[in-house]
Amino acid sequence: MALRLLLPLLLLAATLLMAQAQGIGSSASDCCLKHSQKPFPHRWVKSYSHQGPETGCMLRAVVFITKRGKKICASPNDPTIQKLIQNLNKVKNDKKPKKGRSPRPGGRPKRQKRQQV
């Protein structure tokens, strides 16, 4: 009688352990499985991130997020992809306000009032 109750519990525990060992329910399920070979307009790209073994993914890739929220996986070794990453970093750095510079539109300095003597 006890064996009848113990056997289903052991099967359930073994199933749960196997599922956890395979990575079901982990963040690795959102990994790129291959690189896209199709060219895409660079103006579509909003941001990017890197994936690889350090993020729990088998394939090293650059994951681009488009303005419509789609993901495009690309090879990090592709020269056009490297250039796109440089351009995205440059645009990102240009948008940050620099110290000592005016945050006004167009980069114009604030107008100084004349001192009356």
PDB file of N, CA and C in Angstrom:
ATOM      1  N   MET A   1       0.818  -1.197   0.000  1.00  0.00           N
ATOM      2  CA  MET A   1       0.000   0.000   0.000  1.00  0.00           C
ATOM      3  C   MET A   1       0.866   1.266   0.000  1.00  0.00           C
ATOM      4  N   ALA A   2       1.900   1.308   0.837  1.00  0.00           N
ATOM      5  CA  ALA A   2       2.781   2.477   0.904  1.00  0.00           C
ATOM      6  C   ALA A   2       3.550   2.649  -0.397  1.00  0.00           C
ATOM      7  N   LEU A   3       3.861   1.541  -1.058  1.00  0.00           N
ATOM      8  CA  LEU A   3       4.571   1.596  -2.318  1.00  0.00           C
ATOM      9  C   LEU A   3       3.720   2.248  -3.391  1.00  0.00           C
ATOM     10  N   ARG A   4       2.426   2.019  -3.345  1.00  0.00           N
ATOM     11  CA  ARG A   4       1.503   2.620  -4.303  1.00  0.00           C
ATOM     12  C   ARG A   4       1.484   4.150  -4.186  1.00  0.00           C
ATOM     13  N   LEU A   5       1.608   4.675  -3.000  1.00  0.00           N
ATOM     14  CA  LEU A   5       1.626   6.126  -2.790  1.00  0.00           C
ATOM     15  C   LEU A   5       3.010   6.709  -3.059  1.00  0.00           C
ATOM     16  N   LEU A   6       4.031   5.954  -2.753  1.00  0.00           N
ATOM     17  CA  LEU A   6       5.392   6.446  -2.894  1.00  0.00           C
ATOM     18  C   LEU A   6       5.844   6.514  -4.356  1.00  0.00           C
ATOM     19  N   LEU A   7       5.427   5.579  -5.172  1.00  0.00           N
ATOM     20  CA  LEU A   7       5.849   5.526  -6.564  1.00  0.00           C
ATOM     21  C   LEU A   7       5.423   6.767  -7.365  1.00  0.00           C
ATOM     22  N   PRO A   8       4.164   7.230  -7.309  1.00  0.00           N
ATOM     23  CA  PRO A   8       3.802   8.459  -8.045  1.00  0.00           C
ATOM     24  C   PRO A   8       4.563   9.686  -7.552  1.00  0.00           C
ATOM     25  N   LEU A   9       4.813   9.759  -6.248  1.00  0.00           N
ATOM     26  CA  LEU A   9       5.569  10.895  -5.716  1.00  0.00           C
ATOM     27  C   LEU A   9       7.010  10.887  -6.227  1.00  0.00           C
ATOM     28  N   LEU A  10       7.618   9.719  -6.304  1.00  0.00           N
ATOM     29  CA  LEU A  10       8.972   9.624  -6.831  1.00  0.00           C
ATOM     30  C   LEU A  10       9.018   9.991  -8.312  1.00  0.00           C
ATOM     31  N   LEU A  11       8.034   9.565  -9.082  1.00  0.00           N
ATOM     32  CA  LEU A  11       7.964   9.924 -10.500  1.00  0.00           C
ATOM     33  C   LEU A  11       7.797  11.423 -10.688  1.00  0.00           C
ATOM     34  N   LEU A  12       6.964  12.026  -9.874  1.00  0.00           N
ATOM     35  CA  LEU A  12       6.754  13.476  -9.959  1.00  0.00           C
ATOM     36  C   LEU A  12       8.038  14.230  -9.605  1.00  0.00           C
ATOM     37  N   ALA A  13       8.724  13.799  -8.564  1.00  0.00           N
ATOM     38  CA  ALA A  13       9.969  14.457  -8.165  1.00  0.00           C
ATOM     39  C   ALA A  13      11.034  14.303  -9.251  1.00  0.00           C
ATOM     40  N   ALA A  14      11.135  13.123  -9.848  1.00  0.00           N
ATOM     41  CA  ALA A  14      12.110  12.911 -10.908  1.00  0.00           C
ATOM     42  C   ALA A  14      11.796  13.777 -12.120  1.00  0.00           C
ATOM     43  N   THR A  15      10.528  13.922 -12.466  1.00  0.00           N
ATOM     44  CA  THR A  15      10.129  14.758 -13.595  1.00  0.00           C
ATOM     45  C   THR A  15      10.489  16.219 -13.349  1.00  0.00           C
ATOM     46  N   LEU A  16      10.225  16.694 -12.149  1.00  0.00           N
ATOM     47  CA  LEU A  16      10.543  18.086 -11.817  1.00  0.00           C
ATOM     48  C   LEU A  16      12.053  18.330 -11.859  1.00  0.00           C
ATOM     49  N   LEU A  17      12.829  17.397 -11.354  1.00  0.00           N
ATOM     50  CA  LEU A  17      14.281  17.557 -11.376  1.00  0.00           C
ATOM     51  C   LEU A  17      14.820  17.557 -12.799  1.00  0.00           C
ATOM     52  N   MET A  18      14.290  16.704 -13.656  1.00  0.00           N
ATOM     53  CA  MET A  18      14.743  16.661 -15.047  1.00  0.00           C
ATOM     54  C   MET A  18      14.377  17.949 -15.780  1.00  0.00           C
ATOM     55  N   ALA A  19      13.189  18.462 -15.533  1.00  0.00           N
ATOM     56  CA  ALA A  19      12.758  19.695 -16.192  1.00  0.00           C
ATOM     57  C   ALA A  19      13.640  20.859 -15.762  1.00  0.00           C
ATOM     58  N   GLN A  20      13.995  20.901 -14.480  1.00  0.00           N
ATOM     59  CA  GLN A  20      14.847  21.982 -13.994  1.00  0.00           C
ATOM     60  C   GLN A  20      16.258  21.861 -14.556  1.00  0.00           C
ATOM     61  N   ALA A  21      16.764  20.650 -14.712  1.00  0.00           N
ATOM     62  CA  ALA A  21      18.099  20.438 -15.254  1.00  0.00           C
ATOM     63  C   ALA A  21      18.164  20.829 -16.727  1.00  0.00           C
ATOM     64  N   GLN A  22      17.064  20.713 -17.448  1.00  0.00           N
ATOM     65  CA  GLN A  22      17.034  21.074 -18.860  1.00  0.00           C
ATOM     66  C   GLN A  22      16.846  22.566 -19.068  1.00  0.00           C
ATOM     67  N   GLY A  23      16.606  23.320 -18.029  1.00  0.00           N
ATOM     68  CA  GLY A  23      16.498  24.765 -18.155  1.00  0.00           C
ATOM     69  C   GLY A  23      15.100  25.254 -18.437  1.00  0.00           C
ATOM     70  N   ILE A  24      14.101  24.421 -18.268  1.00  0.00           N
ATOM     71  CA  ILE A  24      12.727  24.872 -18.494  1.00  0.00           C
ATOM     72  C   ILE A  24      12.379  25.882 -17.413  1.00  0.00           C
ATOM     73  N   GLY A  25      11.857  27.009 -17.829  1.00  0.00           N
ATOM     74  CA  GLY A  25      11.486  28.050 -16.886  1.00  0.00           C
ATOM     75  C   GLY A  25      12.631  28.997 -16.573  1.00  0.00           C
ATOM     76  N   SER A  26      13.779  28.833 -17.193  1.00  0.00           N
ATOM     77  CA  SER A  26      14.890  29.749 -16.944  1.00  0.00           C
ATOM     78  C   SER A  26      14.915  30.829 -18.019  1.00  0.00           C
ATOM     79  N   SER A  27      15.769  31.819 -17.849  1.00  0.00           N
ATOM     80  CA  SER A  27      15.856  32.903 -18.818  1.00  0.00           C
ATOM     81  C   SER A  27      16.523  32.456 -20.113  1.00  0.00           C
ATOM     82  N   ALA A  28      17.128  31.266 -20.127  1.00  0.00           N
ATOM     83  CA  ALA A  28      17.804  30.778 -21.319  1.00  0.00           C
ATOM     84  C   ALA A  28      16.826  30.468 -22.442  1.00  0.00           C
ATOM     85  N   SER A  29      15.551  30.375 -22.144  1.00  0.00           N
ATOM     86  CA  SER A  29      14.572  30.053 -23.181  1.00  0.00           C
ATOM     87  C   SER A  29      14.393  31.211 -24.162  1.00  0.00           C
ATOM     88  N   ASP A  30      14.939  32.367 -23.844  1.00  0.00           N
ATOM     89  CA  ASP A  30      14.806  33.529 -24.718  1.00  0.00           C
ATOM     90  C   ASP A  30      16.083  33.776 -25.523  1.00  0.00           C
ATOM     91  N   CYS A  31      16.889  32.746 -25.696  1.00  0.00           N
ATOM     92  CA  CYS A  31      18.156  32.874 -26.410  1.00  0.00           C
ATOM     93  C   CYS A  31      17.955  32.755 -27.919  1.00  0.00           C
ATOM     94  N   CYS A  32      18.847  33.407 -28.655  1.00  0.00           N
ATOM     95  CA  CYS A  32      18.875  33.244 -30.110  1.00  0.00           C
ATOM     96  C   CYS A  32      19.439  31.860 -30.418  1.00  0.00           C
ATOM     97  N   LEU A  33      18.850  31.184 -31.380  1.00  0.00           N
ATOM     98  CA  LEU A  33      19.320  29.865 -31.780  1.00  0.00           C
ATOM     99  C   LEU A  33      20.155  29.921 -33.048  1.00  0.00           C
ATOM    100  N   LYS A  34      20.002  31.010 -33.828  1.00  0.00           N
ATOM    101  CA  LYS A  34      20.820  31.199 -35.027  1.00  0.00           C
ATOM    102  C   LYS A  34      20.880  32.684 -35.358  1.00  0.00           C
ATOM    103  N   HIS A  35      21.852  33.043 -36.175  1.00  0.00           N
ATOM    104  CA  HIS A  35      22.007  34.432 -36.602  1.00  0.00           C
ATOM    105  C   HIS A  35      21.148  34.680 -37.828  1.00  0.00           C
ATOM    106  N   SER A  36      20.546  35.842 -37.896  1.00  0.00           N
ATOM    107  CA  SER A  36      19.785  36.232 -39.076  1.00  0.00           C
ATOM    108  C   SER A  36      20.752  36.560 -40.210  1.00  0.00           C
ATOM    109  N   GLN A  37      20.455  36.089 -41.398  1.00  0.00           N
ATOM    110  CA  GLN A  37      21.304  36.349 -42.554  1.00  0.00           C
ATOM    111  C   GLN A  37      20.740  37.484 -43.414  1.00  0.00           C
ATOM    112  N   LYS A  38      19.491  37.887 -43.125  1.00  0.00           N
ATOM    113  CA  LYS A  38      18.852  38.935 -43.922  1.00  0.00           C
ATOM    114  C   LYS A  38      19.318  40.312 -43.466  1.00  0.00           C
ATOM    115  N   PRO A  39      19.672  41.176 -44.406  1.00  0.00           N
ATOM    116  CA  PRO A  39      19.993  42.555 -44.004  1.00  0.00           C
ATOM    117  C   PRO A  39      18.716  43.280 -43.574  1.00  0.00           C
ATOM    118  N   PHE A  40      18.869  44.236 -42.679  1.00  0.00           N
ATOM    119  CA  PHE A  40      17.717  45.011 -42.218  1.00  0.00           C
ATOM    120  C   PHE A  40      18.124  46.479 -42.128  1.00  0.00           C
ATOM    121  N   PRO A  41      17.166  47.384 -42.327  1.00  0.00           N
ATOM    122  CA  PRO A  41      17.487  48.815 -42.242  1.00  0.00           C
ATOM    123  C   PRO A  41      17.933  49.196 -40.832  1.00  0.00           C
ATOM    124  N   HIS A  42      19.031  49.900 -40.747  1.00  0.00           N
ATOM    125  CA  HIS A  42      19.577  50.289 -39.443  1.00  0.00           C
ATOM    126  C   HIS A  42      18.671  51.261 -38.713  1.00  0.00           C
ATOM    127  N   ARG A  43      17.832  51.963 -39.434  1.00  0.00           N
ATOM    128  CA  ARG A  43      16.939  52.923 -38.779  1.00  0.00           C
ATOM    129  C   ARG A  43      15.850  52.224 -37.966  1.00  0.00           C
ATOM    130  N   TRP A  44      15.663  50.928 -38.167  1.00  0.00           N
ATOM    131  CA  TRP A  44      14.687  50.162 -37.396  1.00  0.00           C
ATOM    132  C   TRP A  44      15.144  49.937 -35.959  1.00  0.00           C
ATOM    133  N   VAL A  45      16.465  49.956 -35.735  1.00  0.00           N
ATOM    134  CA  VAL A  45      17.029  49.520 -34.454  1.00  0.00           C
ATOM    135  C   VAL A  45      16.905  50.612 -33.393  1.00  0.00           C
ATOM    136  N   LYS A  46      16.399  50.199 -32.222  1.00  0.00           N
ATOM    137  CA  LYS A  46      16.274  51.102 -31.088  1.00  0.00           C
ATOM    138  C   LYS A  46      17.395  50.850 -30.073  1.00  0.00           C
ATOM    139  N   SER A  47      17.703  49.578 -29.814  1.00  0.00           N
ATOM    140  CA  SER A  47      18.738  49.232 -28.842  1.00  0.00           C
ATOM    141  C   SER A  47      19.291  47.843 -29.166  1.00  0.00           C
ATOM    142  N   TYR A  48      20.273  47.423 -28.368  1.00  0.00           N
ATOM    143  CA  TYR A  48      20.865  46.106 -28.575  1.00  0.00           C
ATOM    144  C   TYR A  48      21.383  45.572 -27.251  1.00  0.00           C
ATOM    145  N   SER A  49      21.635  44.271 -27.231  1.00  0.00           N
ATOM    146  CA  SER A  49      22.285  43.630 -26.084  1.00  0.00           C
ATOM    147  C   SER A  49      23.103  42.452 -26.615  1.00  0.00           C
ATOM    148  N   HIS A  50      24.000  41.963 -25.777  1.00  0.00           N
ATOM    149  CA  HIS A  50      24.833  40.826 -26.152  1.00  0.00           C
ATOM    150  C   HIS A  50      24.327  39.587 -25.429  1.00  0.00           C
ATOM    151  N   GLN A  51      24.447  38.431 -26.081  1.00  0.00           N
ATOM    152  CA  GLN A  51      24.148  37.165 -25.426  1.00  0.00           C
ATOM    153  C   GLN A  51      25.294  36.209 -25.668  1.00  0.00           C
ATOM    154  N   GLY A  52      25.460  35.279 -24.758  1.00  0.00           N
ATOM    155  CA  GLY A  52      26.515  34.285 -24.870  1.00  0.00           C
ATOM    156  C   GLY A  52      26.486  33.381 -23.653  1.00  0.00           C
ATOM    157  N   PRO A  53      27.537  32.607 -23.459  1.00  0.00           N
ATOM    158  CA  PRO A  53      27.575  31.694 -22.307  1.00  0.00           C
ATOM    159  C   PRO A  53      27.433  32.416 -20.965  1.00  0.00           C
ATOM    160  N   GLU A  54      27.906  33.660 -20.895  1.00  0.00           N
ATOM    161  CA  GLU A  54      27.797  34.404 -19.634  1.00  0.00           C
ATOM    162  C   GLU A  54      26.357  34.774 -19.301  1.00  0.00           C
ATOM    163  N   THR A  55      25.473  34.749 -20.301  1.00  0.00           N
ATOM    164  CA  THR A  55      24.048  35.032 -20.058  1.00  0.00           C
ATOM    165  C   THR A  55      23.211  33.760 -20.092  1.00  0.00           C
ATOM    166  N   GLY A  56      23.866  32.591 -20.171  1.00  0.00           N
ATOM    167  CA  GLY A  56      23.153  31.322 -20.163  1.00  0.00           C
ATOM    168  C   GLY A  56      22.733  30.842 -21.537  1.00  0.00           C
ATOM    169  N   CYS A  57      23.274  31.421 -22.587  1.00  0.00           N
ATOM    170  CA  CYS A  57      22.924  31.037 -23.959  1.00  0.00           C
ATOM    171  C   CYS A  57      24.117  30.363 -24.627  1.00  0.00           C
ATOM    172  N   MET A  58      23.846  29.415 -25.479  1.00  0.00           N
ATOM    173  CA  MET A  58      24.920  28.683 -26.162  1.00  0.00           C
ATOM    174  C   MET A  58      25.546  29.509 -27.281  1.00  0.00           C
ATOM    175  N   LEU A  59      24.748  30.282 -27.989  1.00  0.00           N
ATOM    176  CA  LEU A  59      25.208  31.019 -29.166  1.00  0.00           C
ATOM    177  C   LEU A  59      25.583  32.450 -28.793  1.00  0.00           C
ATOM    178  N   ARG A  60      26.758  32.882 -29.221  1.00  0.00           N
ATOM    179  CA  ARG A  60      27.128  34.296 -29.060  1.00  0.00           C
ATOM    180  C   ARG A  60      26.420  35.086 -30.142  1.00  0.00           C
ATOM    181  N   ALA A  61      25.734  36.141 -29.744  1.00  0.00           N
ATOM    182  CA  ALA A  61      24.982  36.947 -30.708  1.00  0.00           C
ATOM    183  C   ALA A  61      24.762  38.348 -30.160  1.00  0.00           C
ATOM    184  N   VAL A  62      24.457  39.251 -31.086  1.00  0.00           N
ATOM    185  CA  VAL A  62      24.006  40.588 -30.732  1.00  0.00           C
ATOM    186  C   VAL A  62      22.503  40.584 -30.996  1.00  0.00           C
ATOM    187  N   VAL A  63      21.731  40.944 -29.992  1.00  0.00           N
ATOM    188  CA  VAL A  63      20.272  40.948 -30.126  1.00  0.00           C
ATOM    189  C   VAL A  63      19.829  42.402 -30.258  1.00  0.00           C
ATOM    190  N   PHE A  64      19.340  42.749 -31.443  1.00  0.00           N
ATOM    191  CA  PHE A  64      18.847  44.097 -31.693  1.00  0.00           C
ATOM    192  C   PHE A  64      17.352  44.138 -31.399  1.00  0.00           C
ATOM    193  N   ILE A  65      16.909  45.210 -30.759  1.00  0.00           N
ATOM    194  CA  ILE A  65      15.482  45.433 -30.518  1.00  0.00           C
ATOM    195  C   ILE A  65      15.057  46.543 -31.460  1.00  0.00           C
ATOM    196  N   THR A  66      14.033  46.261 -32.271  1.00  0.00           N
ATOM    197  CA  THR A  66      13.561  47.262 -33.225  1.00  0.00           C
ATOM    198  C   THR A  66      12.599  48.223 -32.541  1.00  0.00           C
ATOM    199  N   LYS A  67      12.267  49.284 -33.232  1.00  0.00           N
ATOM    200  CA  LYS A  67      11.330  50.273 -32.695  1.00  0.00           C
ATOM    201  C   LYS A  67       9.939  49.688 -32.510  1.00  0.00           C
ATOM    202  N   ARG A  68       9.651  48.584 -33.208  1.00  0.00           N
ATOM    203  CA  ARG A  68       8.365  47.897 -33.056  1.00  0.00           C
ATOM    204  C   ARG A  68       8.425  46.772 -32.034  1.00  0.00           C
ATOM    205  N   GLY A  69       9.567  46.624 -31.357  1.00  0.00           N
ATOM    206  CA  GLY A  69       9.689  45.630 -30.300  1.00  0.00           C
ATOM    207  C   GLY A  69      10.098  44.240 -30.765  1.00  0.00           C
ATOM    208  N   LYS A  70      10.483  44.088 -32.008  1.00  0.00           N
ATOM    209  CA  LYS A  70      10.926  42.786 -32.523  1.00  0.00           C
ATOM    210  C   LYS A  70      12.401  42.576 -32.195  1.00  0.00           C
ATOM    211  N   LYS A  71      12.810  41.311 -32.105  1.00  0.00           N
ATOM    212  CA  LYS A  71      14.204  40.970 -31.835  1.00  0.00           C
ATOM    213  C   LYS A  71      14.836  40.417 -33.098  1.00  0.00           C
ATOM    214  N   ILE A  72      16.052  40.886 -33.388  1.00  0.00           N
ATOM    215  CA  ILE A  72      16.827  40.393 -34.524  1.00  0.00           C
ATOM    216  C   ILE A  72      18.176  39.935 -33.981  1.00  0.00           C
ATOM    217  N   CYS A  73      18.517  38.687 -34.231  1.00  0.00           N
ATOM    218  CA  CYS A  73      19.783  38.123 -33.773  1.00  0.00           C
ATOM    219  C   CYS A  73      20.817  38.230 -34.887  1.00  0.00           C
ATOM    220  N   ALA A  74      22.001  38.708 -34.552  1.00  0.00           N
ATOM    221  CA  ALA A  74      23.049  38.894 -35.562  1.00  0.00           C
ATOM    222  C   ALA A  74      24.389  38.431 -35.010  1.00  0.00           C
ATOM    223  N   SER A  75      25.293  38.139 -35.920  1.00  0.00           N
ATOM    224  CA  SER A  75      26.630  37.692 -35.545  1.00  0.00           C
ATOM    225  C   SER A  75      27.450  38.870 -35.020  1.00  0.00           C
ATOM    226  N   PRO A  76      28.089  38.729 -33.860  1.00  0.00           N
ATOM    227  CA  PRO A  76      28.928  39.816 -33.347  1.00  0.00           C
ATOM    228  C   PRO A  76      30.213  40.005 -34.145  1.00  0.00           C
ATOM    229  N   ASN A  77      30.556  39.047 -35.017  1.00  0.00           N
ATOM    230  CA  ASN A  77      31.784  39.138 -35.813  1.00  0.00           C
ATOM    231  C   ASN A  77      31.573  39.829 -37.154  1.00  0.00           C
ATOM    232  N   ASP A  78      30.348  40.083 -37.535  1.00  0.00           N
ATOM    233  CA  ASP A  78      30.031  40.712 -38.814  1.00  0.00           C
ATOM    234  C   ASP A  78      30.445  42.193 -38.775  1.00  0.00           C
ATOM    235  N   PRO A  79      31.252  42.657 -39.732  1.00  0.00           N
ATOM    236  CA  PRO A  79      31.713  44.056 -39.726  1.00  0.00           C
ATOM    237  C   PRO A  79      30.565  45.071 -39.794  1.00  0.00           C
ATOM    238  N   THR A  80      29.501  44.767 -40.526  1.00  0.00           N
ATOM    239  CA  THR A  80      28.376  45.725 -40.591  1.00  0.00           C
ATOM    240  C   THR A  80      27.664  45.808 -39.249  1.00  0.00           C
ATOM    241  N   ILE A  81      27.599  44.712 -38.523  1.00  0.00           N
ATOM    242  CA  ILE A  81      26.972  44.703 -37.198  1.00  0.00           C
ATOM    243  C   ILE A  81      27.831  45.496 -36.222  1.00  0.00           C
ATOM    244  N   GLN A  82      29.151  45.327 -36.298  1.00  0.00           N
ATOM    245  CA  GLN A  82      30.050  46.082 -35.430  1.00  0.00           C
ATOM    246  C   GLN A  82      29.931  47.580 -35.686  1.00  0.00           C
ATOM    247  N   LYS A  83      29.790  47.961 -36.951  1.00  0.00           N
ATOM    248  CA  LYS A  83      29.635  49.373 -37.300  1.00  0.00           C
ATOM    249  C   LYS A  83      28.308  49.918 -36.765  1.00  0.00           C
ATOM    250  N   LEU A  84      27.251  49.121 -36.869  1.00  0.00           N
ATOM    251  CA  LEU A  84      25.949  49.535 -36.339  1.00  0.00           C
ATOM    252  C   LEU A  84      26.014  49.737 -34.827  1.00  0.00           C
ATOM    253  N   ILE A  85      26.706  48.847 -34.131  1.00  0.00           N
ATOM    254  CA  ILE A  85      26.863  48.982 -32.679  1.00  0.00           C
ATOM    255  C   ILE A  85      27.619  50.262 -32.345  1.00  0.00           C
ATOM    256  N   GLN A  86      28.678  50.559 -33.096  1.00  0.00           N
ATOM    257  CA  GLN A  86      29.429  51.804 -32.874  1.00  0.00           C
ATOM    258  C   GLN A  86      28.532  53.021 -33.078  1.00  0.00           C
ATOM    259  N   ASN A  87      27.722  52.993 -34.136  1.00  0.00           N
ATOM    260  CA  ASN A  87      26.814  54.119 -34.396  1.00  0.00           C
ATOM    261  C   ASN A  87      25.780  54.272 -33.291  1.00  0.00           C
ATOM    262  N   LEU A  88      25.242  53.154 -32.802  1.00  0.00           N
ATOM    263  CA  LEU A  88      24.264  53.225 -31.710  1.00  0.00           C
ATOM    264  C   LEU A  88      24.904  53.779 -30.443  1.00  0.00           C
ATOM    265  N   ASN A  89      26.146  53.352 -30.151  1.00  0.00           N
ATOM    266  CA  ASN A  89      26.852  53.868 -28.973  1.00  0.00           C
ATOM    267  C   ASN A  89      27.131  55.358 -29.117  1.00  0.00           C
ATOM    268  N   LYS A  90      27.485  55.784 -30.328  1.00  0.00           N
ATOM    269  CA  LYS A  90      27.778  57.194 -30.571  1.00  0.00           C
ATOM    270  C   LYS A  90      26.527  58.043 -30.366  1.00  0.00           C
ATOM    271  N   VAL A  91      25.407  57.596 -30.900  1.00  0.00           N
ATOM    272  CA  VAL A  91      24.144  58.327 -30.745  1.00  0.00           C
ATOM    273  C   VAL A  91      23.750  58.374 -29.270  1.00  0.00           C
ATOM    274  N   LYS A  92      23.944  57.265 -28.568  1.00  0.00           N
ATOM    275  CA  LYS A  92      23.608  57.208 -27.145  1.00  0.00           C
ATOM    276  C   LYS A  92      24.467  58.183 -26.343  1.00  0.00           C
ATOM    277  N   ASN A  93      25.772  58.251 -26.654  1.00  0.00           N
ATOM    278  CA  ASN A  93      26.675  59.160 -25.949  1.00  0.00           C
ATOM    279  C   ASN A  93      26.407  60.616 -26.305  1.00  0.00           C
ATOM    280  N   ASP A  94      25.991  60.876 -27.547  1.00  0.00           N
ATOM    281  CA  ASP A  94      25.696  62.249 -27.954  1.00  0.00           C
ATOM    282  C   ASP A  94      24.451  62.791 -27.264  1.00  0.00           C
ATOM    283  N   LYS A  95      23.538  61.922 -26.878  1.00  0.00           N
ATOM    284  CA  LYS A  95      22.298  62.371 -26.242  1.00  0.00           C
ATOM    285  C   LYS A  95      22.486  62.713 -24.774  1.00  0.00           C
ATOM    286  N   LYS A  96      23.570  62.206 -24.163  1.00  0.00           N
ATOM    287  CA  LYS A  96      23.825  62.508 -22.756  1.00  0.00           C
ATOM    288  C   LYS A  96      24.300  63.943 -22.634  1.00  0.00           C
ATOM    289  N   PRO A  97      23.744  64.723 -21.697  1.00  0.00           N
ATOM    290  CA  PRO A  97      24.245  66.087 -21.518  1.00  0.00           C
ATOM    291  C   PRO A  97      25.653  66.071 -20.938  1.00  0.00           C
ATOM    292  N   LYS A  98      26.510  66.874 -21.505  1.00  0.00           N
ATOM    293  CA  LYS A  98      27.898  66.946 -21.064  1.00  0.00           C
ATOM    294  C   LYS A  98      28.010  67.967 -19.937  1.00  0.00           C
ATOM    295  N   LYS A  99      28.995  67.754 -19.058  1.00  0.00           N
ATOM    296  CA  LYS A  99      29.218  68.703 -17.966  1.00  0.00           C
ATOM    297  C   LYS A  99      29.703  70.022 -18.532  1.00  0.00           C
ATOM    298  N   GLY A 100      29.190  71.109 -18.002  1.00  0.00           N
ATOM    299  CA  GLY A 100      29.633  72.431 -18.421  1.00  0.00           C
ATOM    300  C   GLY A 100      28.956  72.924 -19.682  1.00  0.00           C
ATOM    301  N   ARG A 101      28.154  72.083 -20.309  1.00  0.00           N
ATOM    302  CA  ARG A 101      27.456  72.498 -21.526  1.00  0.00           C
ATOM    303  C   ARG A 101      25.992  72.733 -21.199  1.00  0.00           C
ATOM    304  N   SER A 102      25.395  73.578 -21.956  1.00  0.00           N
ATOM    305  CA  SER A 102      24.000  73.915 -21.748  1.00  0.00           C
ATOM    306  C   SER A 102      23.094  72.787 -22.230  1.00  0.00           C
ATOM    307  N   PRO A 103      22.108  72.378 -21.414  1.00  0.00           N
ATOM    308  CA  PRO A 103      21.166  71.356 -21.858  1.00  0.00           C
ATOM    309  C   PRO A 103      20.052  71.935 -22.733  1.00  0.00           C
ATOM    310  N   ARG A 104      20.219  73.181 -23.165  1.00  0.00           N
ATOM    311  CA  ARG A 104      19.195  73.835 -23.981  1.00  0.00           C
ATOM    312  C   ARG A 104      19.166  73.225 -25.379  1.00  0.00           C
ATOM    313  N   PRO A 105      18.011  73.311 -26.043  1.00  0.00           N
ATOM    314  CA  PRO A 105      17.915  72.766 -27.395  1.00  0.00           C
ATOM    315  C   PRO A 105      18.893  73.456 -28.339  1.00  0.00           C
ATOM    316  N   GLY A 106      19.463  72.670 -29.218  1.00  0.00           N
ATOM    317  CA  GLY A 106      20.400  73.226 -30.193  1.00  0.00           C
ATOM    318  C   GLY A 106      21.763  73.518 -29.612  1.00  0.00           C
ATOM    319  N   GLY A 107      21.955  73.263 -28.316  1.00  0.00           N
ATOM    320  CA  GLY A 107      23.250  73.477 -27.691  1.00  0.00           C
ATOM    321  C   GLY A 107      23.610  74.945 -27.518  1.00  0.00           C
ATOM    322  N   ARG A 108      22.609  75.818 -27.630  1.00  0.00           N
ATOM    323  CA  ARG A 108      22.890  77.251 -27.471  1.00  0.00           C
ATOM    324  C   ARG A 108      23.092  77.577 -26.001  1.00  0.00           C
ATOM    325  N   PRO A 109      24.060  78.425 -25.700  1.00  0.00           N
ATOM    326  CA  PRO A 109      24.231  78.830 -24.302  1.00  0.00           C
ATOM    327  C   PRO A 109      23.127  79.799 -23.889  1.00  0.00           C
ATOM    328  N   LYS A 110      22.894  79.875 -22.597  1.00  0.00           N
ATOM    329  CA  LYS A 110      21.878  80.771 -22.078  1.00  0.00           C
ATOM    330  C   LYS A 110      22.320  82.220 -22.314  1.00  0.00           C
ATOM    331  N   ARG A 111      21.369  83.046 -22.688  1.00  0.00           N
ATOM    332  CA  ARG A 111      21.674  84.448 -23.000  1.00  0.00           C
ATOM    333  C   ARG A 111      22.010  85.193 -21.710  1.00  0.00           C
ATOM    334  N   GLN A 112      23.092  85.923 -21.737  1.00  0.00           N
ATOM    335  CA  GLN A 112      23.546  86.680 -20.567  1.00  0.00           C
ATOM    336  C   GLN A 112      22.853  88.043 -20.545  1.00  0.00           C
ATOM    337  N   LYS A 113      22.446  88.485 -19.347  1.00  0.00           N
ATOM    338  CA  LYS A 113      21.856  89.816 -19.221  1.00  0.00           C
ATOM    339  C   LYS A 113      22.973  90.846 -19.198  1.00  0.00           C
ATOM    340  N   ARG A 114      22.690  91.987 -19.786  1.00  0.00           N
ATOM    341  CA  ARG A 114      23.677  93.081 -19.759  1.00  0.00           C
ATOM    342  C   ARG A 114      23.675  93.720 -18.392  1.00  0.00           C
ATOM    343  N   GLN A 115      24.856  94.057 -17.952  1.00  0.00           N
ATOM    344  CA  GLN A 115      24.948  94.773 -16.685  1.00  0.00           C
ATOM    345  C   GLN A 115      24.856  96.256 -16.958  1.00  0.00           C
ATOM    346  N   GLN A 116      24.017  96.934 -16.192  1.00  0.00           N
ATOM    347  CA  GLN A 116      23.906  98.371 -16.366  1.00  0.00           C
ATOM    348  C   GLN A 116      24.880  99.057 -15.406  1.00  0.00           C
ATOM    349  N   VAL A 117      25.582 100.064 -15.941  1.00  0.00           N
ATOM    350  CA  VAL A 117      26.577 100.788 -15.157  1.00  0.00           C
ATOM    351  C   VAL A 117      26.012 102.055 -14.611  1.00  0.00           C
TER     352      VAL A 117
END
